[in-house]
Amino acid sequence: MENETTDPDAENKILLEPYEYIRTIPGKQIRPKLIKAFNHWLHISDDKLVLISEIIEMLHNASLLIDDIQDNSKLRRGSP
């Protein structure tokens, strides 16, 4: 068998396409509003709050992708 070389960046791009696509579909922005509301009391620094928000969005979008796969959904937020 020949030694095949693959481009890791190309592989990552293919794997991330569904995630990147779901990020572009607008939602209700409930999580950012909740984070802002909680931070009224918690007073977390802006740099940490940005990181926390990004992680929460990543986890949420990953859960949406898993849900769509399990349900064999054709649409997410009304978009294919």
Protein backbone atom coordinates (compact mmCIF):
# COMPACT_ATOMS: atom_id res chain seq x y z
CA MET A 1 0.00 0.00 0.00
CA GLU A 2 1.35 3.39 -0.95
CA ASN A 3 2.13 5.94 1.69
CA GLU A 4 -0.60 8.53 1.29
CA THR A 5 -0.11 11.99 2.69
CA THR A 6 -3.11 13.99 3.68
CA ASP A 7 -3.44 17.67 4.39
CA PRO A 8 -4.55 18.04 8.03
CA ASP A 9 -5.94 21.51 7.29
CA ALA A 10 -8.14 20.12 4.52
CA GLU A 11 -9.36 17.34 6.79
CA ASN A 12 -10.13 19.81 9.58
CA LYS A 13 -11.99 22.07 7.14
CA ILE A 14 -14.20 19.18 6.03
CA LEU A 15 -14.91 18.16 9.62
CA LEU A 16 -15.69 21.71 10.71
CA GLU A 17 -17.96 22.63 7.78
CA PRO A 18 -21.22 21.58 9.52
CA TYR A 19 -20.19 23.41 12.70
CA GLU A 20 -19.19 26.56 10.82
CA TYR A 21 -22.44 26.45 8.85
CA ILE A 22 -24.60 26.17 11.97
CA ARG A 23 -22.75 29.14 13.48
CA THR A 24 -23.90 31.34 10.58
CA ILE A 25 -27.60 30.66 11.16
CA PRO A 26 -28.97 33.38 13.47
CA GLY A 27 -30.60 32.34 16.71
CA LYS A 28 -32.47 34.12 19.49
CA GLN A 29 -29.27 35.05 21.37
CA ILE A 30 -30.64 33.78 24.68
CA ARG A 31 -27.27 32.54 25.99
CA PRO A 32 -25.45 35.87 25.45
CA LYS A 33 -28.31 37.68 27.18
CA LEU A 34 -28.17 35.28 30.14
CA ILE A 35 -24.40 35.62 30.38
CA LYS A 36 -24.71 39.41 30.42
CA ALA A 37 -27.45 39.23 33.07
CA PHE A 38 -25.45 36.91 35.33
CA ASN A 39 -22.37 39.05 34.92
CA HIS A 40 -24.32 41.95 36.40
CA TRP A 41 -23.77 40.16 39.73
CA LEU A 42 -20.62 38.14 39.04
CA HIS A 43 -18.42 40.94 37.63
CA ILE A 44 -16.24 38.65 35.52
CA SER A 45 -13.54 40.43 33.52
CA ASP A 46 -14.32 41.06 29.86
CA ASP A 47 -11.53 38.81 28.54
CA LYS A 48 -12.70 35.87 30.64
CA LEU A 49 -16.34 36.57 29.78
CA VAL A 50 -15.55 36.43 26.05
CA LEU A 51 -13.84 33.07 26.51
CA ILE A 52 -16.72 31.70 28.61
CA SER A 53 -19.23 32.89 26.00
CA GLU A 54 -17.28 31.27 23.15
CA ILE A 55 -17.05 27.95 25.00
CA ILE A 56 -20.77 27.98 25.82
CA GLU A 57 -21.62 28.67 22.15
CA MET A 58 -19.30 25.87 21.00
CA LEU A 59 -20.90 23.39 23.38
CA HIS A 60 -24.40 24.50 22.42
CA ASN A 61 -23.69 24.25 18.68
CA ALA A 62 -22.11 20.83 19.17
CA SER A 63 -25.24 19.67 20.99
CA LEU A 64 -27.37 20.97 18.10
CA LEU A 65 -25.26 19.03 15.60
CA ILE A 66 -25.52 15.84 17.63
CA ASP A 67 -29.29 16.34 17.98
CA ASP A 68 -29.68 16.85 14.22
CA ILE A 69 -27.67 13.70 13.50
CA GLN A 70 -29.69 11.64 15.97
CA ASP A 71 -33.01 12.98 14.69
CA ASN A 72 -31.93 12.87 11.03
CA SER A 73 -33.13 16.48 10.81
CA LYS A 74 -33.12 18.24 7.47
CA LEU A 75 -33.56 21.75 8.90
CA ARG A 76 -32.05 23.75 11.75
CA ARG A 77 -33.69 27.07 12.65
CA GLY A 78 -35.70 26.79 9.43
CA SER A 79 -32.61 26.45 7.21
CA PRO A 80 -31.26 23.34 5.50
